[in-house]
N, C-alpha and C. Protein backbone atom coordinates (compact mmCIF):
# COMPACT_ATOMS: atom_id res chain seq x y z
N UNK A 1 4.72 24.80 15.04
CA UNK A 1 4.25 23.63 14.30
C UNK A 1 2.82 23.35 14.72
N UNK A 2 1.95 23.17 13.77
CA UNK A 2 0.55 22.88 14.08
C UNK A 2 0.40 21.43 14.53
N UNK A 3 -0.73 21.15 15.17
CA UNK A 3 -1.01 19.77 15.57
C UNK A 3 -1.05 18.85 14.37
N UNK A 4 -1.60 19.34 13.24
CA UNK A 4 -1.67 18.51 12.05
C UNK A 4 -0.26 18.17 11.56
N UNK A 5 0.65 19.16 11.55
CA UNK A 5 2.02 18.90 11.11
C UNK A 5 2.68 17.86 12.00
N UNK A 6 2.52 18.00 13.29
CA UNK A 6 3.09 17.02 14.21
C UNK A 6 2.48 15.65 14.01
N UNK A 7 1.17 15.62 13.79
CA UNK A 7 0.49 14.35 13.54
C UNK A 7 1.02 13.71 12.26
N UNK A 8 1.20 14.51 11.19
CA UNK A 8 1.69 14.00 9.91
C UNK A 8 3.12 13.47 10.07
N UNK A 9 3.97 14.21 10.82
CA UNK A 9 5.34 13.76 11.03
C UNK A 9 5.37 12.45 11.81
N UNK A 10 4.50 12.33 12.81
CA UNK A 10 4.43 11.08 13.58
C UNK A 10 3.98 9.92 12.70
N UNK A 11 3.00 10.18 11.86
CA UNK A 11 2.51 9.14 10.95
C UNK A 11 3.59 8.76 9.94
N UNK A 12 4.33 9.74 9.45
CA UNK A 12 5.38 9.46 8.47
C UNK A 12 6.46 8.58 9.09
N UNK A 13 6.84 8.87 10.31
CA UNK A 13 7.85 8.05 11.00
C UNK A 13 7.35 6.62 11.18
N UNK A 14 6.09 6.47 11.60
CA UNK A 14 5.53 5.14 11.78
C UNK A 14 5.42 4.42 10.43
N UNK A 15 5.00 5.14 9.39
CA UNK A 15 4.89 4.55 8.06
C UNK A 15 6.24 4.05 7.58
N UNK A 16 7.29 4.82 7.84
CA UNK A 16 8.65 4.40 7.45
C UNK A 16 9.02 3.08 8.14
N UNK A 17 8.72 2.98 9.42
CA UNK A 17 9.02 1.75 10.16
C UNK A 17 8.26 0.56 9.61
N UNK A 18 7.06 0.81 9.12
CA UNK A 18 6.24 -0.27 8.58
C UNK A 18 6.62 -0.64 7.15
N UNK A 19 7.04 0.32 6.36
CA UNK A 19 7.31 0.07 4.94
C UNK A 19 8.72 -0.43 4.68
N UNK A 20 9.71 0.11 5.37
CA UNK A 20 11.11 -0.22 5.07
C UNK A 20 11.42 -1.72 5.07
N UNK A 21 10.93 -2.50 6.04
CA UNK A 21 11.27 -3.93 6.04
C UNK A 21 10.69 -4.72 4.86
N UNK A 22 9.74 -4.12 4.15
CA UNK A 22 9.09 -4.81 3.03
C UNK A 22 9.84 -4.62 1.71
N UNK A 23 10.79 -3.70 1.69
CA UNK A 23 11.47 -3.35 0.45
C UNK A 23 12.95 -3.70 0.49
N UNK A 24 13.44 -4.24 -0.60
CA UNK A 24 14.87 -4.51 -0.73
C UNK A 24 15.59 -3.19 -1.03
N UNK A 25 16.90 -3.15 -0.78
CA UNK A 25 17.67 -1.94 -1.03
C UNK A 25 17.63 -1.52 -2.49
N UNK A 26 17.52 -2.48 -3.39
CA UNK A 26 17.53 -2.17 -4.82
C UNK A 26 16.13 -2.30 -5.45
N UNK A 27 15.10 -2.15 -4.63
CA UNK A 27 13.72 -2.28 -5.10
C UNK A 27 13.40 -1.11 -6.03
N UNK A 28 12.71 -1.40 -7.11
CA UNK A 28 12.33 -0.34 -8.04
C UNK A 28 11.29 -0.83 -9.02
N UNK A 29 11.17 -0.12 -10.13
CA UNK A 29 10.23 -0.51 -11.18
C UNK A 29 8.94 0.28 -11.13
N UNK A 30 7.88 -0.38 -11.54
CA UNK A 30 6.56 0.25 -11.62
C UNK A 30 5.69 -0.28 -10.48
N UNK A 31 5.21 0.65 -9.65
CA UNK A 31 4.42 0.30 -8.48
C UNK A 31 3.09 1.06 -8.50
N UNK A 32 2.12 0.53 -7.75
CA UNK A 32 0.86 1.22 -7.51
C UNK A 32 0.60 1.25 -6.01
N UNK A 33 0.29 2.43 -5.50
CA UNK A 33 -0.16 2.60 -4.12
C UNK A 33 -1.67 2.74 -4.21
N UNK A 34 -2.36 1.66 -3.87
CA UNK A 34 -3.82 1.58 -4.06
C UNK A 34 -4.55 2.00 -2.80
N UNK A 35 -5.43 2.98 -2.95
CA UNK A 35 -6.09 3.56 -1.78
C UNK A 35 -5.10 4.47 -1.07
N UNK A 36 -4.40 5.31 -1.84
CA UNK A 36 -3.26 6.09 -1.35
C UNK A 36 -3.63 7.19 -0.38
N UNK A 37 -4.88 7.61 -0.37
CA UNK A 37 -5.26 8.70 0.54
C UNK A 37 -4.44 9.94 0.28
N UNK A 38 -3.94 10.56 1.35
CA UNK A 38 -3.16 11.79 1.22
C UNK A 38 -1.71 11.55 0.80
N UNK A 39 -1.32 10.29 0.61
CA UNK A 39 -0.02 10.01 0.04
C UNK A 39 1.13 9.82 1.02
N UNK A 40 0.86 9.64 2.30
CA UNK A 40 1.96 9.44 3.25
C UNK A 40 2.84 8.28 2.81
N UNK A 41 2.22 7.14 2.53
CA UNK A 41 3.00 5.98 2.09
C UNK A 41 3.51 6.16 0.66
N UNK A 42 2.76 6.87 -0.17
CA UNK A 42 3.16 7.09 -1.56
C UNK A 42 4.52 7.79 -1.62
N UNK A 43 4.66 8.87 -0.88
CA UNK A 43 5.90 9.64 -0.93
C UNK A 43 7.06 8.89 -0.27
N UNK A 44 6.77 8.12 0.76
CA UNK A 44 7.81 7.26 1.35
C UNK A 44 8.26 6.20 0.36
N UNK A 45 7.30 5.59 -0.32
CA UNK A 45 7.63 4.58 -1.32
C UNK A 45 8.52 5.19 -2.40
N UNK A 46 8.18 6.37 -2.84
CA UNK A 46 8.97 7.06 -3.86
C UNK A 46 10.41 7.28 -3.38
N UNK A 47 10.55 7.65 -2.12
CA UNK A 47 11.88 7.90 -1.56
C UNK A 47 12.68 6.61 -1.38
N UNK A 48 11.99 5.48 -1.20
CA UNK A 48 12.68 4.22 -0.92
C UNK A 48 12.99 3.41 -2.17
N UNK A 49 12.24 3.63 -3.26
CA UNK A 49 12.51 2.90 -4.49
C UNK A 49 13.70 3.50 -5.21
N UNK A 50 14.30 2.72 -6.10
CA UNK A 50 15.45 3.22 -6.85
C UNK A 50 15.03 4.40 -7.73
N UNK A 51 15.93 5.35 -7.96
CA UNK A 51 15.60 6.49 -8.81
C UNK A 51 15.12 6.03 -10.19
N UNK A 52 14.15 6.76 -10.71
CA UNK A 52 13.57 6.43 -12.01
C UNK A 52 12.39 5.49 -11.93
N UNK A 53 12.07 5.00 -10.74
CA UNK A 53 10.90 4.14 -10.58
C UNK A 53 9.64 4.95 -10.86
N UNK A 54 8.55 4.25 -11.10
CA UNK A 54 7.28 4.90 -11.40
C UNK A 54 6.24 4.41 -10.39
N UNK A 55 5.45 5.35 -9.87
CA UNK A 55 4.39 5.02 -8.91
C UNK A 55 3.08 5.61 -9.41
N UNK A 56 2.04 4.77 -9.39
CA UNK A 56 0.67 5.22 -9.63
C UNK A 56 0.00 5.33 -8.27
N UNK A 57 -0.38 6.54 -7.89
CA UNK A 57 -1.11 6.78 -6.64
C UNK A 57 -2.59 6.76 -6.99
N UNK A 58 -3.29 5.75 -6.50
CA UNK A 58 -4.68 5.52 -6.89
C UNK A 58 -5.60 5.71 -5.69
N UNK A 59 -6.66 6.48 -5.89
CA UNK A 59 -7.68 6.62 -4.85
C UNK A 59 -8.99 7.04 -5.51
N UNK A 60 -10.08 6.74 -4.85
CA UNK A 60 -11.38 7.16 -5.39
C UNK A 60 -11.79 8.52 -4.86
N UNK A 61 -11.00 9.06 -3.92
CA UNK A 61 -11.26 10.38 -3.35
C UNK A 61 -10.47 11.43 -4.14
N UNK A 62 -11.19 12.20 -4.94
CA UNK A 62 -10.52 13.21 -5.79
C UNK A 62 -9.80 14.27 -4.96
N UNK A 63 -10.35 14.65 -3.83
CA UNK A 63 -9.71 15.66 -2.99
C UNK A 63 -8.38 15.15 -2.43
N UNK A 64 -8.34 13.90 -2.03
CA UNK A 64 -7.09 13.31 -1.55
C UNK A 64 -6.05 13.31 -2.67
N UNK A 65 -6.47 12.96 -3.87
CA UNK A 65 -5.54 12.96 -5.01
C UNK A 65 -5.06 14.37 -5.33
N UNK A 66 -5.91 15.36 -5.16
CA UNK A 66 -5.48 16.75 -5.36
C UNK A 66 -4.40 17.13 -4.35
N UNK A 67 -4.55 16.68 -3.10
CA UNK A 67 -3.54 16.97 -2.09
C UNK A 67 -2.22 16.28 -2.43
N UNK A 68 -2.29 15.05 -2.95
CA UNK A 68 -1.08 14.36 -3.39
C UNK A 68 -0.42 15.15 -4.52
N UNK A 69 -1.20 15.58 -5.49
CA UNK A 69 -0.66 16.34 -6.63
C UNK A 69 -0.04 17.66 -6.16
N UNK A 70 -0.69 18.34 -5.22
CA UNK A 70 -0.15 19.59 -4.69
C UNK A 70 1.17 19.36 -3.98
N UNK A 71 1.22 18.33 -3.15
CA UNK A 71 2.47 18.04 -2.42
C UNK A 71 3.57 17.64 -3.40
N UNK A 72 3.21 16.87 -4.40
CA UNK A 72 4.17 16.46 -5.43
C UNK A 72 4.84 17.69 -6.06
N UNK A 73 4.04 18.73 -6.29
CA UNK A 73 4.55 19.95 -6.90
C UNK A 73 5.55 20.70 -6.04
N UNK A 74 5.60 20.40 -4.74
CA UNK A 74 6.52 21.09 -3.84
C UNK A 74 7.80 20.29 -3.57
N UNK A 75 7.89 19.09 -4.12
CA UNK A 75 9.01 18.21 -3.83
C UNK A 75 9.84 17.91 -5.08
N UNK A 76 11.07 17.59 -4.85
CA UNK A 76 11.93 17.09 -5.93
C UNK A 76 11.98 15.57 -5.75
N UNK A 77 11.29 14.86 -6.62
CA UNK A 77 11.15 13.42 -6.48
C UNK A 77 12.11 12.67 -7.40
N UNK A 78 12.60 11.54 -6.92
CA UNK A 78 13.47 10.69 -7.74
C UNK A 78 12.68 9.66 -8.52
N UNK A 79 11.37 9.69 -8.38
CA UNK A 79 10.51 8.76 -9.12
C UNK A 79 9.48 9.55 -9.92
N UNK A 80 8.86 8.87 -10.84
CA UNK A 80 7.75 9.47 -11.59
C UNK A 80 6.47 9.10 -10.84
N UNK A 81 5.69 10.11 -10.49
CA UNK A 81 4.48 9.89 -9.71
C UNK A 81 3.27 10.36 -10.50
N UNK A 82 2.34 9.43 -10.72
CA UNK A 82 1.12 9.73 -11.46
C UNK A 82 -0.07 9.47 -10.55
N UNK A 83 -0.97 10.44 -10.42
CA UNK A 83 -2.20 10.22 -9.66
C UNK A 83 -3.27 9.69 -10.61
N UNK A 84 -4.06 8.79 -10.08
CA UNK A 84 -5.08 8.13 -10.90
C UNK A 84 -6.35 7.96 -10.07
N UNK A 85 -7.42 8.58 -10.53
CA UNK A 85 -8.71 8.46 -9.84
C UNK A 85 -9.34 7.13 -10.21
N UNK A 86 -9.70 6.35 -9.20
CA UNK A 86 -10.36 5.08 -9.45
C UNK A 86 -10.49 4.26 -8.19
N UNK A 87 -11.18 3.16 -8.33
CA UNK A 87 -11.49 2.25 -7.23
C UNK A 87 -10.65 0.99 -7.40
N UNK A 88 -9.72 0.76 -6.46
CA UNK A 88 -8.84 -0.40 -6.61
C UNK A 88 -9.57 -1.73 -6.48
N UNK A 89 -10.81 -1.72 -6.00
CA UNK A 89 -11.55 -2.98 -5.95
C UNK A 89 -12.06 -3.38 -7.32
N UNK A 90 -11.92 -2.49 -8.29
CA UNK A 90 -12.24 -2.78 -9.69
C UNK A 90 -11.00 -2.44 -10.54
N UNK A 91 -9.91 -3.18 -10.33
CA UNK A 91 -8.63 -2.81 -10.94
C UNK A 91 -8.61 -2.82 -12.46
N UNK A 92 -9.45 -3.62 -13.07
CA UNK A 92 -9.44 -3.65 -14.54
C UNK A 92 -9.84 -2.30 -15.14
N UNK A 93 -10.61 -1.53 -14.39
CA UNK A 93 -11.04 -0.21 -14.88
C UNK A 93 -9.92 0.84 -14.75
N UNK A 94 -8.84 0.50 -14.06
CA UNK A 94 -7.77 1.46 -13.82
C UNK A 94 -6.77 1.53 -14.98
N UNK A 95 -6.71 0.50 -15.79
CA UNK A 95 -5.79 0.44 -16.93
C UNK A 95 -4.34 0.66 -16.49
N UNK A 96 -3.93 -0.06 -15.47
CA UNK A 96 -2.55 -0.01 -15.00
C UNK A 96 -1.67 -0.92 -15.85
N UNK A 97 -0.41 -0.57 -16.00
CA UNK A 97 0.51 -1.47 -16.70
C UNK A 97 0.86 -2.64 -15.78
N UNK A 98 1.54 -3.67 -16.29
CA UNK A 98 2.03 -4.73 -15.40
C UNK A 98 2.91 -4.11 -14.31
N UNK A 99 2.74 -4.57 -13.10
CA UNK A 99 3.37 -3.92 -11.94
C UNK A 99 4.46 -4.78 -11.30
N UNK A 100 5.51 -4.11 -10.85
CA UNK A 100 6.55 -4.76 -10.05
C UNK A 100 6.14 -4.83 -8.59
N UNK A 101 5.22 -3.97 -8.20
CA UNK A 101 4.77 -3.98 -6.82
C UNK A 101 3.46 -3.27 -6.63
N UNK A 102 2.73 -3.73 -5.63
CA UNK A 102 1.47 -3.11 -5.21
C UNK A 102 1.56 -2.87 -3.72
N UNK A 103 1.22 -1.66 -3.31
CA UNK A 103 1.16 -1.30 -1.91
C UNK A 103 -0.30 -1.05 -1.54
N UNK A 104 -0.77 -1.75 -0.53
CA UNK A 104 -2.10 -1.54 0.05
C UNK A 104 -1.87 -1.15 1.51
N UNK A 105 -1.77 0.13 1.78
CA UNK A 105 -1.48 0.62 3.13
C UNK A 105 -2.74 1.24 3.72
N UNK A 106 -3.30 0.60 4.71
CA UNK A 106 -4.52 1.07 5.35
C UNK A 106 -5.67 1.24 4.37
N UNK A 107 -5.74 0.37 3.38
CA UNK A 107 -6.84 0.44 2.42
C UNK A 107 -7.61 -0.87 2.32
N UNK A 108 -6.97 -1.99 2.56
CA UNK A 108 -7.64 -3.28 2.44
C UNK A 108 -8.72 -3.45 3.51
N UNK A 109 -8.62 -2.72 4.61
CA UNK A 109 -9.64 -2.85 5.66
C UNK A 109 -10.99 -2.22 5.28
N UNK A 110 -11.07 -1.62 4.10
CA UNK A 110 -12.35 -1.12 3.61
C UNK A 110 -13.05 -2.12 2.69
N UNK A 111 -12.41 -3.27 2.45
CA UNK A 111 -12.94 -4.28 1.53
C UNK A 111 -13.53 -5.43 2.35
N UNK A 112 -14.81 -5.68 2.18
CA UNK A 112 -15.47 -6.76 2.92
C UNK A 112 -15.06 -8.13 2.39
N UNK A 113 -15.10 -8.31 1.09
CA UNK A 113 -14.80 -9.61 0.46
C UNK A 113 -13.41 -9.52 -0.17
N UNK A 114 -12.39 -9.74 0.63
CA UNK A 114 -11.01 -9.53 0.20
C UNK A 114 -10.48 -10.53 -0.83
N UNK A 115 -10.78 -11.84 -0.73
CA UNK A 115 -10.13 -12.80 -1.63
C UNK A 115 -10.27 -12.49 -3.12
N UNK A 116 -11.46 -12.18 -3.65
CA UNK A 116 -11.50 -11.91 -5.10
C UNK A 116 -10.78 -10.62 -5.48
N UNK A 117 -10.79 -9.63 -4.61
CA UNK A 117 -10.10 -8.37 -4.90
C UNK A 117 -8.59 -8.60 -4.92
N UNK A 118 -8.07 -9.29 -3.92
CA UNK A 118 -6.62 -9.54 -3.87
C UNK A 118 -6.20 -10.42 -5.04
N UNK A 119 -7.01 -11.40 -5.41
CA UNK A 119 -6.67 -12.25 -6.57
C UNK A 119 -6.61 -11.44 -7.85
N UNK A 120 -7.55 -10.51 -8.03
CA UNK A 120 -7.54 -9.66 -9.23
C UNK A 120 -6.34 -8.73 -9.22
N UNK A 121 -5.99 -8.21 -8.06
CA UNK A 121 -4.81 -7.35 -7.96
C UNK A 121 -3.53 -8.14 -8.23
N UNK A 122 -3.47 -9.36 -7.71
CA UNK A 122 -2.28 -10.19 -7.92
C UNK A 122 -2.04 -10.45 -9.41
N UNK A 123 -3.12 -10.51 -10.18
CA UNK A 123 -2.99 -10.72 -11.62
C UNK A 123 -2.31 -9.54 -12.31
N UNK A 124 -2.30 -8.37 -11.67
CA UNK A 124 -1.63 -7.20 -12.24
C UNK A 124 -0.11 -7.23 -12.06
N UNK A 125 0.35 -8.12 -11.16
CA UNK A 125 1.79 -8.18 -10.87
C UNK A 125 2.55 -8.95 -11.94
N UNK A 126 3.74 -8.47 -12.25
CA UNK A 126 4.67 -9.21 -13.11
C UNK A 126 5.21 -10.40 -12.31
N UNK A 127 5.78 -11.36 -12.99
CA UNK A 127 6.44 -12.45 -12.28
C UNK A 127 7.55 -11.83 -11.42
N UNK A 128 7.58 -12.23 -10.16
CA UNK A 128 8.52 -11.66 -9.20
C UNK A 128 7.97 -10.41 -8.53
N UNK A 129 6.79 -9.96 -8.95
CA UNK A 129 6.18 -8.77 -8.36
C UNK A 129 5.75 -9.00 -6.93
N UNK A 130 5.69 -7.93 -6.18
CA UNK A 130 5.49 -8.00 -4.74
C UNK A 130 4.20 -7.28 -4.32
N UNK A 131 3.44 -7.93 -3.46
CA UNK A 131 2.29 -7.31 -2.81
C UNK A 131 2.71 -6.96 -1.39
N UNK A 132 2.54 -5.70 -1.01
CA UNK A 132 2.86 -5.24 0.34
C UNK A 132 1.56 -4.73 0.96
N UNK A 133 1.20 -5.29 2.11
CA UNK A 133 -0.02 -4.91 2.82
C UNK A 133 0.36 -4.38 4.20
N UNK A 134 -0.11 -3.18 4.52
CA UNK A 134 0.07 -2.59 5.85
C UNK A 134 -1.33 -2.44 6.44
N UNK A 135 -1.55 -3.08 7.57
CA UNK A 135 -2.90 -3.06 8.16
C UNK A 135 -2.85 -3.11 9.68
N UNK A 136 -4.00 -2.77 10.28
CA UNK A 136 -4.18 -2.94 11.71
C UNK A 136 -4.32 -4.42 12.00
N UNK A 137 -3.62 -4.88 13.01
CA UNK A 137 -3.55 -6.29 13.34
C UNK A 137 -4.66 -6.66 14.33
N UNK A 138 -5.87 -6.75 13.81
CA UNK A 138 -7.02 -7.05 14.65
C UNK A 138 -8.11 -7.72 13.83
N UNK A 139 -9.02 -8.33 14.51
CA UNK A 139 -10.21 -8.88 13.85
C UNK A 139 -11.44 -8.07 14.21
N UNK A 140 -11.29 -7.15 15.17
CA UNK A 140 -12.40 -6.35 15.66
C UNK A 140 -12.56 -5.09 14.81
N UNK A 141 -13.63 -5.02 14.02
CA UNK A 141 -13.87 -3.87 13.17
C UNK A 141 -14.40 -2.68 13.93
N UNK A 142 -14.20 -1.51 13.35
CA UNK A 142 -14.73 -0.26 13.88
C UNK A 142 -15.32 0.52 12.70
N UNK A 143 -15.88 1.68 12.97
CA UNK A 143 -16.40 2.49 11.87
C UNK A 143 -15.26 2.99 10.97
N UNK A 144 -14.07 3.19 11.53
CA UNK A 144 -12.92 3.67 10.75
C UNK A 144 -12.19 2.52 10.04
N UNK A 145 -12.25 1.34 10.61
CA UNK A 145 -11.60 0.14 10.05
C UNK A 145 -12.66 -0.96 10.03
N UNK A 146 -13.57 -0.90 9.06
CA UNK A 146 -14.74 -1.78 9.10
C UNK A 146 -14.45 -3.27 8.89
N UNK A 147 -13.44 -3.60 8.08
CA UNK A 147 -13.17 -5.01 7.77
C UNK A 147 -11.68 -5.30 7.93
N UNK A 148 -11.19 -5.32 9.18
CA UNK A 148 -9.76 -5.49 9.39
C UNK A 148 -9.27 -6.88 8.98
N UNK A 149 -7.96 -6.99 8.86
CA UNK A 149 -7.34 -8.28 8.56
C UNK A 149 -6.27 -8.54 9.62
N UNK A 150 -6.41 -9.63 10.31
CA UNK A 150 -5.42 -10.03 11.31
C UNK A 150 -4.22 -10.64 10.59
N UNK A 151 -3.04 -10.45 11.15
CA UNK A 151 -1.82 -10.96 10.51
C UNK A 151 -1.89 -12.47 10.25
N UNK A 152 -2.57 -13.21 11.10
CA UNK A 152 -2.64 -14.66 10.91
C UNK A 152 -3.47 -15.05 9.70
N UNK A 153 -4.28 -14.12 9.18
CA UNK A 153 -5.08 -14.39 8.00
C UNK A 153 -4.40 -13.94 6.71
N UNK A 154 -3.31 -13.17 6.82
CA UNK A 154 -2.65 -12.63 5.65
C UNK A 154 -2.09 -13.73 4.75
N UNK A 155 -1.42 -14.70 5.31
CA UNK A 155 -0.80 -15.76 4.50
C UNK A 155 -1.84 -16.51 3.66
N UNK A 156 -2.95 -16.89 4.27
CA UNK A 156 -4.01 -17.59 3.54
C UNK A 156 -4.62 -16.73 2.45
N UNK A 157 -4.81 -15.45 2.73
CA UNK A 157 -5.35 -14.53 1.74
C UNK A 157 -4.41 -14.43 0.54
N UNK A 158 -3.11 -14.29 0.80
CA UNK A 158 -2.13 -14.19 -0.29
C UNK A 158 -2.06 -15.48 -1.09
N UNK A 159 -2.04 -16.61 -0.41
CA UNK A 159 -1.97 -17.89 -1.11
C UNK A 159 -3.22 -18.13 -1.96
N UNK A 160 -4.39 -17.76 -1.45
CA UNK A 160 -5.62 -17.91 -2.22
C UNK A 160 -5.59 -17.06 -3.49
N UNK A 161 -4.79 -16.00 -3.48
CA UNK A 161 -4.66 -15.12 -4.65
C UNK A 161 -3.57 -15.60 -5.60
N UNK A 162 -2.95 -16.74 -5.28
CA UNK A 162 -1.90 -17.28 -6.14
C UNK A 162 -0.52 -16.71 -5.86
N UNK A 163 -0.38 -16.03 -4.74
CA UNK A 163 0.92 -15.48 -4.35
C UNK A 163 1.65 -16.45 -3.43
N UNK A 164 2.96 -16.32 -3.39
CA UNK A 164 3.78 -17.22 -2.58
C UNK A 164 4.67 -16.42 -1.65
N UNK A 165 5.38 -17.13 -0.80
CA UNK A 165 6.34 -16.54 0.13
C UNK A 165 5.68 -15.49 1.03
N UNK A 166 4.41 -15.69 1.35
CA UNK A 166 3.68 -14.74 2.20
C UNK A 166 4.24 -14.78 3.61
N UNK A 167 4.51 -13.59 4.13
CA UNK A 167 5.04 -13.52 5.49
C UNK A 167 4.81 -12.12 6.06
N UNK A 168 4.76 -12.06 7.37
CA UNK A 168 4.71 -10.78 8.07
C UNK A 168 6.15 -10.36 8.31
N UNK A 169 6.50 -9.15 7.85
CA UNK A 169 7.89 -8.70 7.95
C UNK A 169 8.12 -7.75 9.11
N UNK A 170 7.06 -7.15 9.64
CA UNK A 170 7.23 -6.28 10.80
C UNK A 170 5.88 -6.01 11.46
N UNK A 171 5.98 -5.59 12.71
CA UNK A 171 4.82 -5.16 13.49
C UNK A 171 5.22 -3.87 14.20
N UNK A 172 4.24 -3.03 14.47
CA UNK A 172 4.51 -1.80 15.20
C UNK A 172 3.32 -1.48 16.09
N UNK A 173 3.59 -0.99 17.30
CA UNK A 173 2.48 -0.61 18.17
C UNK A 173 1.70 0.55 17.56
N UNK A 174 0.43 0.58 17.86
CA UNK A 174 -0.44 1.65 17.37
C UNK A 174 -1.35 2.10 18.49
N UNK A 175 -1.51 3.40 18.63
CA UNK A 175 -2.43 3.91 19.65
C UNK A 175 -3.87 3.60 19.27
N UNK A 176 -4.10 3.34 17.99
CA UNK A 176 -5.42 2.97 17.50
C UNK A 176 -5.42 1.47 17.19
N UNK A 177 -6.23 0.71 17.83
CA UNK A 177 -6.39 -0.74 17.63
C UNK A 177 -5.15 -1.56 18.00
N UNK A 178 -4.23 -0.98 18.76
CA UNK A 178 -3.16 -1.74 19.39
C UNK A 178 -1.90 -2.02 18.59
N UNK A 179 -2.04 -2.49 17.35
CA UNK A 179 -0.85 -2.88 16.60
C UNK A 179 -1.13 -2.86 15.10
N UNK A 180 -0.07 -2.61 14.34
CA UNK A 180 -0.13 -2.70 12.89
C UNK A 180 0.89 -3.73 12.43
N UNK A 181 0.68 -4.28 11.24
CA UNK A 181 1.65 -5.22 10.69
C UNK A 181 1.86 -4.92 9.22
N UNK A 182 2.96 -5.41 8.70
CA UNK A 182 3.24 -5.34 7.27
C UNK A 182 3.46 -6.76 6.78
N UNK A 183 2.68 -7.13 5.76
CA UNK A 183 2.82 -8.44 5.13
C UNK A 183 3.31 -8.28 3.71
N UNK A 184 4.08 -9.26 3.25
CA UNK A 184 4.62 -9.26 1.90
C UNK A 184 4.36 -10.62 1.28
N UNK A 185 4.01 -10.63 0.00
CA UNK A 185 3.86 -11.87 -0.76
C UNK A 185 4.34 -11.60 -2.19
N UNK A 186 4.75 -12.66 -2.89
CA UNK A 186 5.39 -12.52 -4.19
C UNK A 186 4.65 -13.36 -5.22
N UNK A 187 4.57 -12.83 -6.44
CA UNK A 187 4.02 -13.61 -7.56
C UNK A 187 5.17 -14.36 -8.19
N UNK A 188 5.20 -15.67 -8.00
CA UNK A 188 6.31 -16.47 -8.48
C UNK A 188 6.08 -16.97 -9.90
N UNK A 189 4.89 -17.44 -10.20
CA UNK A 189 4.61 -17.93 -11.56
C UNK A 189 4.11 -16.82 -12.45
N UNK A 190 4.24 -17.02 -13.77
CA UNK A 190 3.80 -15.99 -14.73
C UNK A 190 2.41 -16.09 -15.06
């Protein structure tokens, strides 16, 4: 096993620990994984949603999307997975359908001015739709995580976007920046 394979397996296990508490057993529908990168969370989401669900894997990095498409071709998936090149900070240009869920896993820390972006993304959610955010739990930025979001700021960010029931559902230790958290918020009104 190569170091990369071991690293990917370790990341997948950690991603599962971070994502599972955010999803109900019967979670499904149409989701978008925004800033999906190589798709670690995308493929986990596909495995955790009910069969027949649809996921849009969105990233502005074409090479990352090619890797997602290649991996998709080697797997038997219970969901429909579509890759979409674009910038989630300009969601209107993505032409996504109304969504049952949005996953932002290690992508929101690249956004300096989060409130207007999260508010625009929240508008894409159907009533009852869920926003799931997985991030490093710190306020100290680095070159790799330039604009982090601390868990204590998640609730205010979600509420400012018109979302409700914002809460942190899990935390996990991280060798990089100490800890990660998963936050969930719901669009209650239409």
